[in-house]
């Protein structure tokens, strides 16, 4: 969406309104991207160092590469192999700004985005919020976040191991008594 935006065309980064998110002022059009998943990051990569100001909003300050989550759960990969902070990814991109916030409302008639941290004016808005995780009927959907599945698996596998260990301890005691 294109608008006659009301953000300043100077290089200052001062905020005149208390409920407005502080962003560097720019003479370039402002592209706001909601969501830092694969689609949001791909668009940021395409727009880096172009004559636009890119503002990425996400409720997390990191990107998580979920297709390899099972390898972290099985200790084949370290967690930092599939998770990286947005600010580290965008380091050196002069026209990209990241803000940690949740979107609460979009006002397309006035090109205003209202977030948990304040409001921002935009010239173009991209919704790249992704999809929901598919657990393929495995019952993990009741957890808050798929990383909880790892904790669940660890906890549930410890229980049978404790039973087996008790049985082995009894066996060794019995074996020692019989041979003693």
N, C-alpha and C. Protein backbone atom coordinates (compact mmCIF):
# COMPACT_ATOMS: atom_id res chain seq x y z
N UNK A 1 0.84 -1.18 0.00
CA UNK A 1 0.00 0.00 0.00
C UNK A 1 0.88 1.24 0.00
N UNK A 2 0.57 2.18 -0.81
CA UNK A 2 1.33 3.44 -0.89
C UNK A 2 0.50 4.53 -0.23
N UNK A 3 1.16 5.41 0.45
CA UNK A 3 0.43 6.49 1.12
C UNK A 3 1.25 7.76 1.06
N UNK A 4 0.60 8.83 1.47
CA UNK A 4 1.31 10.07 1.71
C UNK A 4 1.71 10.03 3.17
N UNK A 5 2.82 9.38 3.46
CA UNK A 5 3.19 9.13 4.84
C UNK A 5 3.54 10.42 5.55
N UNK A 6 3.36 10.36 6.86
CA UNK A 6 3.62 11.57 7.66
C UNK A 6 4.92 11.47 8.42
N UNK A 7 5.79 10.48 8.12
CA UNK A 7 7.07 10.46 8.83
C UNK A 7 8.03 11.44 8.15
N UNK A 8 8.92 11.97 8.97
CA UNK A 8 9.81 13.03 8.51
C UNK A 8 10.81 12.53 7.48
N UNK A 9 11.35 13.44 6.69
CA UNK A 9 12.35 13.11 5.69
C UNK A 9 13.73 13.60 6.09
N UNK A 10 14.01 13.62 7.38
CA UNK A 10 15.34 14.03 7.86
C UNK A 10 16.07 12.80 8.36
N UNK A 11 17.33 12.95 8.72
CA UNK A 11 18.11 11.83 9.22
C UNK A 11 18.04 11.71 10.74
N UNK A 12 17.24 12.51 11.42
CA UNK A 12 17.09 12.44 12.86
C UNK A 12 16.34 11.17 13.24
N UNK A 13 16.56 10.73 14.47
CA UNK A 13 15.81 9.56 14.93
C UNK A 13 15.08 9.89 16.22
N UNK A 14 14.61 11.11 16.34
CA UNK A 14 13.86 11.51 17.52
C UNK A 14 12.39 11.21 17.30
N UNK A 15 11.70 10.92 18.37
CA UNK A 15 10.27 10.64 18.30
C UNK A 15 9.53 11.84 18.87
N UNK A 16 8.58 12.32 18.11
CA UNK A 16 7.82 13.48 18.55
C UNK A 16 6.61 13.07 19.38
N UNK A 17 6.11 11.85 19.19
CA UNK A 17 4.92 11.40 19.89
C UNK A 17 5.31 10.27 20.82
N UNK A 18 4.80 10.29 22.04
CA UNK A 18 5.22 9.31 23.04
C UNK A 18 4.85 7.88 22.66
N UNK A 19 3.75 7.68 21.96
CA UNK A 19 3.34 6.32 21.63
C UNK A 19 3.85 5.85 20.27
N UNK A 20 4.73 6.62 19.65
CA UNK A 20 5.29 6.24 18.36
C UNK A 20 6.61 5.49 18.57
N UNK A 21 6.83 4.43 17.81
CA UNK A 21 8.07 3.67 17.90
C UNK A 21 9.19 4.51 17.30
N UNK A 22 10.31 4.60 18.00
CA UNK A 22 11.44 5.37 17.51
C UNK A 22 12.13 4.62 16.37
N UNK A 23 12.18 5.24 15.23
CA UNK A 23 12.86 4.71 14.05
C UNK A 23 13.64 5.84 13.43
N UNK A 24 14.74 5.52 12.77
CA UNK A 24 15.47 6.58 12.07
C UNK A 24 14.59 7.19 10.99
N UNK A 25 14.53 8.50 10.96
CA UNK A 25 13.77 9.16 9.91
C UNK A 25 14.48 8.96 8.58
N UNK A 26 13.71 8.93 7.52
CA UNK A 26 14.28 8.64 6.22
C UNK A 26 13.52 9.37 5.12
N UNK A 27 14.20 9.60 4.02
CA UNK A 27 13.54 10.17 2.85
C UNK A 27 13.02 9.05 1.94
N UNK A 28 13.38 7.80 2.28
CA UNK A 28 12.97 6.65 1.47
C UNK A 28 11.64 6.10 1.95
N UNK A 29 10.95 5.38 1.10
CA UNK A 29 9.70 4.73 1.53
C UNK A 29 9.98 3.71 2.63
N UNK A 30 9.06 3.59 3.56
CA UNK A 30 9.21 2.65 4.67
C UNK A 30 8.45 1.36 4.36
N UNK A 31 9.16 0.25 4.36
CA UNK A 31 8.57 -1.07 4.17
C UNK A 31 8.56 -1.77 5.52
N UNK A 32 7.39 -2.07 6.03
CA UNK A 32 7.26 -2.75 7.31
C UNK A 32 6.95 -4.22 7.02
N UNK A 33 7.74 -5.11 7.59
CA UNK A 33 7.56 -6.54 7.44
C UNK A 33 7.17 -7.11 8.80
N UNK A 34 6.04 -7.80 8.84
CA UNK A 34 5.60 -8.44 10.08
C UNK A 34 5.94 -9.91 9.96
N UNK A 35 6.88 -10.37 10.78
CA UNK A 35 7.26 -11.77 10.80
C UNK A 35 8.68 -11.99 10.33
N UNK A 36 9.46 -12.68 11.15
CA UNK A 36 10.86 -12.95 10.84
C UNK A 36 11.12 -14.40 10.50
N UNK A 37 10.16 -15.03 9.84
CA UNK A 37 10.38 -16.41 9.38
C UNK A 37 11.10 -16.42 8.05
N UNK A 38 10.95 -17.51 7.33
CA UNK A 38 11.65 -17.65 6.05
C UNK A 38 11.26 -16.57 5.06
N UNK A 39 9.97 -16.29 4.94
CA UNK A 39 9.51 -15.29 3.97
C UNK A 39 9.97 -13.89 4.37
N UNK A 40 9.84 -13.54 5.64
CA UNK A 40 10.27 -12.22 6.10
C UNK A 40 11.75 -12.00 5.90
N UNK A 41 12.56 -13.01 6.24
CA UNK A 41 14.01 -12.88 6.08
C UNK A 41 14.41 -12.83 4.61
N UNK A 42 13.72 -13.58 3.77
CA UNK A 42 14.04 -13.55 2.34
C UNK A 42 13.77 -12.16 1.76
N UNK A 43 12.69 -11.53 2.19
CA UNK A 43 12.38 -10.18 1.70
C UNK A 43 13.40 -9.17 2.22
N UNK A 44 13.80 -9.30 3.48
CA UNK A 44 14.83 -8.41 4.02
C UNK A 44 16.10 -8.53 3.19
N UNK A 45 16.49 -9.75 2.86
CA UNK A 45 17.70 -9.97 2.05
C UNK A 45 17.58 -9.30 0.68
N UNK A 46 16.39 -9.35 0.08
CA UNK A 46 16.19 -8.74 -1.24
C UNK A 46 16.23 -7.21 -1.17
N UNK A 47 15.78 -6.66 -0.03
CA UNK A 47 15.68 -5.20 0.09
C UNK A 47 16.88 -4.55 0.77
N UNK A 48 17.82 -5.36 1.27
CA UNK A 48 18.97 -4.76 1.95
C UNK A 48 19.74 -3.87 0.97
N UNK A 49 20.17 -2.73 1.49
CA UNK A 49 20.96 -1.75 0.74
C UNK A 49 20.23 -1.19 -0.49
N UNK A 50 18.89 -1.30 -0.52
CA UNK A 50 18.08 -0.64 -1.56
C UNK A 50 17.61 0.70 -1.00
N UNK A 51 16.98 1.49 -1.83
CA UNK A 51 16.52 2.81 -1.40
C UNK A 51 15.14 2.73 -0.76
N UNK A 52 15.07 1.95 0.31
CA UNK A 52 13.88 1.84 1.15
C UNK A 52 14.36 1.66 2.59
N UNK A 53 13.51 2.02 3.53
CA UNK A 53 13.79 1.72 4.93
C UNK A 53 12.97 0.48 5.26
N UNK A 54 13.64 -0.58 5.70
CA UNK A 54 12.99 -1.84 6.03
C UNK A 54 12.90 -1.93 7.55
N UNK A 55 11.68 -2.17 8.05
CA UNK A 55 11.47 -2.35 9.48
C UNK A 55 10.83 -3.72 9.67
N UNK A 56 11.53 -4.60 10.37
CA UNK A 56 11.03 -5.94 10.64
C UNK A 56 10.50 -6.01 12.06
N UNK A 57 9.26 -6.48 12.20
CA UNK A 57 8.66 -6.71 13.51
C UNK A 57 8.49 -8.21 13.72
N UNK A 58 8.86 -8.68 14.91
CA UNK A 58 8.61 -10.06 15.26
C UNK A 58 8.44 -10.14 16.77
N UNK A 59 7.68 -11.13 17.23
CA UNK A 59 7.46 -11.27 18.67
C UNK A 59 8.64 -11.93 19.37
N UNK A 60 9.56 -12.51 18.59
CA UNK A 60 10.79 -13.08 19.12
C UNK A 60 11.98 -12.29 18.57
N UNK A 61 13.09 -12.30 19.27
CA UNK A 61 14.26 -11.59 18.77
C UNK A 61 15.23 -12.54 18.07
N UNK A 62 14.72 -13.69 17.64
CA UNK A 62 15.54 -14.69 16.98
C UNK A 62 14.75 -15.40 15.90
N UNK A 63 15.48 -15.98 14.96
CA UNK A 63 14.88 -16.86 13.95
C UNK A 63 15.24 -18.29 14.30
N UNK A 64 14.26 -19.18 14.22
CA UNK A 64 14.49 -20.58 14.55
C UNK A 64 14.23 -21.43 13.31
N UNK A 65 15.21 -22.20 12.91
CA UNK A 65 15.10 -23.07 11.75
C UNK A 65 14.51 -24.40 12.20
N UNK A 66 13.17 -24.49 12.24
CA UNK A 66 12.50 -25.64 12.83
C UNK A 66 12.71 -26.96 12.09
N UNK A 67 12.97 -26.98 10.78
CA UNK A 67 13.17 -28.29 10.15
C UNK A 67 14.31 -29.11 10.76
N UNK A 68 15.25 -28.47 11.44
CA UNK A 68 16.34 -29.22 12.07
C UNK A 68 16.18 -29.35 13.58
N UNK A 69 15.00 -29.03 14.09
CA UNK A 69 14.76 -29.09 15.53
C UNK A 69 14.95 -30.51 16.07
N UNK A 70 14.56 -31.51 15.29
CA UNK A 70 14.71 -32.89 15.75
C UNK A 70 16.18 -33.25 15.97
N UNK A 71 17.09 -32.64 15.20
CA UNK A 71 18.51 -32.94 15.38
C UNK A 71 19.05 -32.33 16.67
N UNK A 72 18.48 -31.21 17.08
CA UNK A 72 18.85 -30.63 18.38
C UNK A 72 18.30 -31.53 19.49
N UNK A 73 17.08 -32.03 19.31
CA UNK A 73 16.47 -32.90 20.32
C UNK A 73 17.25 -34.20 20.50
N UNK A 74 17.90 -34.66 19.45
CA UNK A 74 18.68 -35.90 19.55
C UNK A 74 20.16 -35.63 19.78
N UNK A 75 20.51 -34.40 20.07
CA UNK A 75 21.88 -33.96 20.36
C UNK A 75 22.82 -34.08 19.16
N UNK A 76 22.29 -34.14 17.96
CA UNK A 76 23.13 -34.17 16.77
C UNK A 76 23.63 -32.76 16.42
N UNK A 77 22.88 -31.74 16.82
CA UNK A 77 23.26 -30.34 16.58
C UNK A 77 23.14 -29.56 17.87
N UNK A 78 23.93 -28.52 17.99
CA UNK A 78 23.80 -27.58 19.10
C UNK A 78 22.64 -26.64 18.81
N UNK A 79 21.93 -26.15 19.82
CA UNK A 79 20.81 -25.24 19.59
C UNK A 79 21.18 -23.99 18.79
N UNK A 80 22.41 -23.47 18.99
CA UNK A 80 22.78 -22.26 18.26
C UNK A 80 23.02 -22.52 16.78
N UNK A 81 22.95 -23.78 16.36
CA UNK A 81 23.06 -24.10 14.94
C UNK A 81 21.77 -23.83 14.18
N UNK A 82 20.63 -23.78 14.92
CA UNK A 82 19.36 -23.58 14.24
C UNK A 82 18.64 -22.31 14.71
N UNK A 83 19.24 -21.59 15.64
CA UNK A 83 18.63 -20.36 16.16
C UNK A 83 19.66 -19.25 16.08
N UNK A 84 19.26 -18.09 15.51
CA UNK A 84 20.18 -16.96 15.49
C UNK A 84 19.42 -15.66 15.71
N UNK A 85 20.04 -14.69 16.37
CA UNK A 85 19.37 -13.41 16.63
C UNK A 85 19.25 -12.57 15.37
N UNK A 86 18.14 -11.88 15.23
CA UNK A 86 17.91 -11.02 14.06
C UNK A 86 18.97 -9.93 13.96
N UNK A 87 19.30 -9.30 15.09
CA UNK A 87 20.25 -8.18 15.03
C UNK A 87 21.62 -8.63 14.50
N UNK A 88 22.02 -9.84 14.81
CA UNK A 88 23.28 -10.36 14.28
C UNK A 88 23.17 -10.57 12.77
N UNK A 89 22.03 -11.07 12.32
CA UNK A 89 21.81 -11.29 10.89
C UNK A 89 21.83 -9.97 10.12
N UNK A 90 21.28 -8.92 10.71
CA UNK A 90 21.15 -7.65 10.00
C UNK A 90 22.31 -6.70 10.26
N UNK A 91 23.31 -7.13 10.98
CA UNK A 91 24.47 -6.29 11.26
C UNK A 91 25.12 -5.86 9.94
N UNK A 92 25.24 -4.57 9.74
CA UNK A 92 25.84 -4.05 8.51
C UNK A 92 24.83 -3.65 7.45
N UNK A 93 23.55 -3.98 7.66
CA UNK A 93 22.51 -3.55 6.72
C UNK A 93 22.09 -2.14 7.14
N UNK A 94 22.48 -1.15 6.36
CA UNK A 94 22.24 0.24 6.76
C UNK A 94 20.76 0.65 6.72
N UNK A 95 19.95 -0.05 5.93
CA UNK A 95 18.56 0.37 5.78
C UNK A 95 17.58 -0.56 6.49
N UNK A 96 18.07 -1.48 7.34
CA UNK A 96 17.19 -2.44 8.01
C UNK A 96 17.18 -2.18 9.50
N UNK A 97 15.97 -2.16 10.08
CA UNK A 97 15.79 -1.94 11.51
C UNK A 97 14.91 -3.08 12.02
N UNK A 98 15.28 -3.65 13.16
CA UNK A 98 14.46 -4.69 13.80
C UNK A 98 13.83 -4.14 15.06
N UNK A 99 12.57 -4.45 15.28
CA UNK A 99 11.88 -4.08 16.51
C UNK A 99 11.17 -5.31 17.07
N UNK A 100 11.43 -5.58 18.34
CA UNK A 100 10.79 -6.68 19.05
C UNK A 100 9.44 -6.19 19.56
N UNK A 101 8.37 -6.68 18.96
CA UNK A 101 7.02 -6.26 19.35
C UNK A 101 6.00 -7.19 18.74
N UNK A 102 4.83 -7.23 19.34
CA UNK A 102 3.72 -7.98 18.78
C UNK A 102 2.75 -7.01 18.13
N UNK A 103 2.25 -7.37 16.97
CA UNK A 103 1.30 -6.52 16.25
C UNK A 103 -0.06 -6.69 16.90
N UNK A 104 -0.70 -5.57 17.19
CA UNK A 104 -2.01 -5.59 17.81
C UNK A 104 -3.11 -5.17 16.84
N UNK A 105 -2.78 -4.25 15.93
CA UNK A 105 -3.81 -3.74 15.02
C UNK A 105 -3.15 -3.14 13.78
N UNK A 106 -3.82 -3.28 12.66
CA UNK A 106 -3.38 -2.66 11.41
C UNK A 106 -4.49 -1.73 10.95
N UNK A 107 -4.14 -0.49 10.68
CA UNK A 107 -5.10 0.49 10.17
C UNK A 107 -4.72 0.83 8.73
N UNK A 108 -5.22 0.05 7.76
CA UNK A 108 -4.80 0.26 6.37
C UNK A 108 -5.26 1.59 5.79
N UNK A 109 -6.34 2.15 6.29
CA UNK A 109 -6.83 3.41 5.74
C UNK A 109 -5.87 4.57 6.02
N UNK A 110 -5.12 4.47 7.14
CA UNK A 110 -4.17 5.53 7.48
C UNK A 110 -2.72 5.04 7.48
N UNK A 111 -2.50 3.81 7.04
CA UNK A 111 -1.16 3.21 6.98
C UNK A 111 -0.42 3.29 8.32
N UNK A 112 -1.12 2.85 9.35
CA UNK A 112 -0.55 2.81 10.70
C UNK A 112 -0.59 1.39 11.21
N UNK A 113 0.51 0.97 11.82
CA UNK A 113 0.61 -0.32 12.46
C UNK A 113 0.72 -0.08 13.95
N UNK A 114 -0.15 -0.69 14.73
CA UNK A 114 -0.11 -0.54 16.17
C UNK A 114 0.43 -1.83 16.76
N UNK A 115 1.50 -1.69 17.57
CA UNK A 115 2.15 -2.85 18.18
C UNK A 115 2.09 -2.73 19.70
N UNK A 116 2.63 -3.73 20.36
CA UNK A 116 2.69 -3.72 21.82
C UNK A 116 3.65 -2.64 22.33
N UNK A 117 4.49 -2.08 21.47
CA UNK A 117 5.47 -1.05 21.87
C UNK A 117 5.10 0.35 21.38
N UNK A 118 4.07 0.45 20.55
CA UNK A 118 3.70 1.75 20.01
C UNK A 118 3.24 1.63 18.57
N UNK A 119 3.17 2.75 17.90
CA UNK A 119 2.68 2.74 16.51
C UNK A 119 3.78 3.17 15.56
N UNK A 120 3.62 2.77 14.31
CA UNK A 120 4.57 3.14 13.28
C UNK A 120 3.80 3.38 11.99
N UNK A 121 4.25 4.37 11.24
CA UNK A 121 3.68 4.66 9.93
C UNK A 121 4.45 3.88 8.88
N UNK A 122 3.75 3.43 7.85
CA UNK A 122 4.40 2.68 6.79
C UNK A 122 3.92 3.13 5.43
N UNK A 123 4.75 2.89 4.43
CA UNK A 123 4.35 3.10 3.05
C UNK A 123 3.91 1.79 2.41
N UNK A 124 4.63 0.72 2.76
CA UNK A 124 4.30 -0.62 2.27
C UNK A 124 4.28 -1.56 3.46
N UNK A 125 3.31 -2.47 3.48
CA UNK A 125 3.18 -3.42 4.58
C UNK A 125 3.20 -4.84 4.01
N UNK A 126 4.04 -5.69 4.60
CA UNK A 126 4.14 -7.09 4.18
C UNK A 126 3.81 -7.97 5.38
N UNK A 127 2.84 -8.86 5.21
CA UNK A 127 2.49 -9.82 6.25
C UNK A 127 3.20 -11.13 5.95
N UNK A 128 4.15 -11.48 6.76
CA UNK A 128 4.92 -12.72 6.57
C UNK A 128 4.95 -13.48 7.90
N UNK A 129 3.77 -13.71 8.44
CA UNK A 129 3.67 -14.27 9.79
C UNK A 129 3.82 -15.78 9.83
N UNK A 130 3.90 -16.44 8.69
CA UNK A 130 4.14 -17.88 8.68
C UNK A 130 2.89 -18.69 8.91
N UNK A 131 3.11 -19.90 9.35
CA UNK A 131 2.02 -20.85 9.56
C UNK A 131 2.13 -21.42 10.96
N UNK A 132 1.23 -22.32 11.26
CA UNK A 132 1.31 -23.00 12.54
C UNK A 132 2.08 -24.30 12.37
N UNK A 133 2.68 -24.76 13.44
CA UNK A 133 3.47 -25.98 13.40
C UNK A 133 2.54 -27.18 13.28
N UNK A 134 2.90 -28.15 12.44
CA UNK A 134 2.15 -29.38 12.28
C UNK A 134 2.87 -30.48 13.05
N UNK A 135 2.21 -31.03 14.06
CA UNK A 135 2.82 -32.10 14.85
C UNK A 135 2.38 -33.48 14.37
N UNK A 136 1.65 -33.54 13.27
CA UNK A 136 1.25 -34.80 12.66
C UNK A 136 0.57 -35.75 13.64
N UNK A 137 -0.32 -35.21 14.47
CA UNK A 137 -1.09 -36.04 15.38
C UNK A 137 -0.32 -36.63 16.54
N UNK A 138 0.87 -36.11 16.83
CA UNK A 138 1.70 -36.69 17.89
C UNK A 138 1.34 -36.16 19.28
N UNK A 139 0.38 -35.24 19.38
CA UNK A 139 -0.07 -34.78 20.69
C UNK A 139 0.75 -33.66 21.29
N UNK A 140 1.71 -33.12 20.57
CA UNK A 140 2.54 -32.05 21.13
C UNK A 140 1.91 -30.67 20.96
N UNK A 141 0.81 -30.57 20.25
CA UNK A 141 0.25 -29.25 19.96
C UNK A 141 -0.25 -28.54 21.21
N UNK A 142 -0.47 -29.26 22.31
CA UNK A 142 -0.94 -28.62 23.53
C UNK A 142 0.18 -27.87 24.24
N UNK A 143 1.43 -28.09 23.84
CA UNK A 143 2.55 -27.40 24.48
C UNK A 143 2.69 -25.99 23.94
N UNK A 144 3.22 -25.13 24.78
CA UNK A 144 3.53 -23.78 24.36
C UNK A 144 4.88 -23.82 23.67
N UNK A 145 4.85 -23.85 22.36
CA UNK A 145 6.09 -23.89 21.58
C UNK A 145 6.61 -25.30 21.41
N UNK A 146 7.18 -25.55 20.28
CA UNK A 146 7.65 -26.90 19.97
C UNK A 146 8.90 -27.29 20.75
N UNK A 147 9.62 -26.31 21.34
CA UNK A 147 10.78 -26.67 22.15
C UNK A 147 10.39 -27.41 23.41
N UNK A 148 9.14 -27.27 23.84
CA UNK A 148 8.65 -28.00 25.01
C UNK A 148 8.62 -29.50 24.73
N UNK A 149 8.51 -29.89 23.47
CA UNK A 149 8.48 -31.31 23.12
C UNK A 149 9.75 -32.00 23.56
N UNK A 150 10.88 -31.31 23.46
CA UNK A 150 12.16 -31.88 23.87
C UNK A 150 12.15 -32.17 25.37
N UNK A 151 11.63 -31.24 26.16
CA UNK A 151 11.56 -31.44 27.60
C UNK A 151 10.64 -32.60 27.93
N UNK A 152 9.54 -32.72 27.21
CA UNK A 152 8.59 -33.81 27.41
C UNK A 152 9.25 -35.16 27.15
N UNK A 153 9.96 -35.27 26.04
CA UNK A 153 10.61 -36.53 25.68
C UNK A 153 11.64 -36.91 26.74
N UNK A 154 12.45 -35.95 27.18
CA UNK A 154 13.45 -36.24 28.21
C UNK A 154 12.79 -36.76 29.49
N UNK A 155 11.73 -36.08 29.91
CA UNK A 155 11.05 -36.45 31.15
C UNK A 155 10.42 -37.84 31.03
N UNK A 156 9.76 -38.12 29.93
CA UNK A 156 9.06 -39.39 29.77
C UNK A 156 10.00 -40.56 29.55
N UNK A 157 11.18 -40.33 29.00
CA UNK A 157 12.12 -41.45 28.83
C UNK A 157 12.89 -41.74 30.10
N UNK A 158 12.95 -40.80 31.01
CA UNK A 158 13.65 -41.05 32.28
C UNK A 158 12.86 -42.02 33.16
N UNK A 159 11.53 -41.97 33.10
CA UNK A 159 10.70 -42.81 33.95
C UNK A 159 10.95 -44.30 33.70
N UNK A 160 10.86 -44.81 32.47
CA UNK A 160 11.15 -46.24 32.27
C UNK A 160 12.60 -46.60 32.59
N UNK A 161 13.51 -45.67 32.37
CA UNK A 161 14.92 -45.96 32.68
C UNK A 161 15.11 -46.16 34.18
N UNK A 162 14.38 -45.41 35.00
CA UNK A 162 14.47 -45.58 36.45
C UNK A 162 13.96 -46.95 36.86
N UNK A 163 12.87 -47.41 36.23
CA UNK A 163 12.31 -48.73 36.53
C UNK A 163 13.31 -49.80 36.14
N UNK A 164 13.92 -49.69 34.97
CA UNK A 164 14.91 -50.67 34.51
C UNK A 164 16.11 -50.69 35.45
N UNK A 165 16.55 -49.52 35.88
CA UNK A 165 17.70 -49.44 36.79
C UNK A 165 17.37 -50.13 38.12
N UNK A 166 16.16 -49.92 38.65
CA UNK A 166 15.76 -50.59 39.90
C UNK A 166 15.75 -52.10 39.73
N UNK A 167 15.22 -52.56 38.58
CA UNK A 167 15.19 -54.01 38.32
C UNK A 167 16.60 -54.58 38.22
N UNK A 168 17.51 -53.84 37.55
CA UNK A 168 18.91 -54.30 37.46
C UNK A 168 19.57 -54.32 38.82
N UNK A 169 19.32 -53.31 39.64
CA UNK A 169 19.89 -53.28 40.99
C UNK A 169 19.43 -54.49 41.80
N UNK A 170 18.12 -54.83 41.70
CA UNK A 170 17.60 -56.02 42.41
C UNK A 170 18.26 -57.29 41.88
N UNK A 171 18.42 -57.35 40.57
CA UNK A 171 19.05 -58.53 39.96
C UNK A 171 20.46 -58.71 40.48
N UNK A 172 21.25 -57.61 40.53
CA UNK A 172 22.63 -57.72 41.00
C UNK A 172 22.69 -58.09 42.47
N UNK A 173 21.78 -57.56 43.27
CA UNK A 173 21.73 -57.92 44.69
C UNK A 173 21.42 -59.41 44.84
N UNK A 174 20.42 -59.86 44.07
CA UNK A 174 20.05 -61.27 44.11
C UNK A 174 21.22 -62.15 43.65
N UNK A 175 21.89 -61.74 42.60
CA UNK A 175 23.02 -62.50 42.09
C UNK A 175 24.17 -62.58 43.10
N UNK A 176 24.41 -61.48 43.80
CA UNK A 176 25.46 -61.45 44.82
C UNK A 176 25.10 -62.34 45.99
N UNK A 177 23.84 -62.31 46.42
CA UNK A 177 23.40 -63.14 47.55
C UNK A 177 23.49 -64.62 47.17
N UNK A 178 23.05 -64.98 45.97
CA UNK A 178 23.08 -66.38 45.55
C UNK A 178 24.51 -66.88 45.39
N UNK A 179 25.40 -66.04 44.90
CA UNK A 179 26.79 -66.46 44.69
C UNK A 179 27.63 -66.29 45.94
N UNK A 180 27.17 -65.53 46.91
CA UNK A 180 27.97 -65.20 48.06
C UNK A 180 28.06 -66.31 49.00
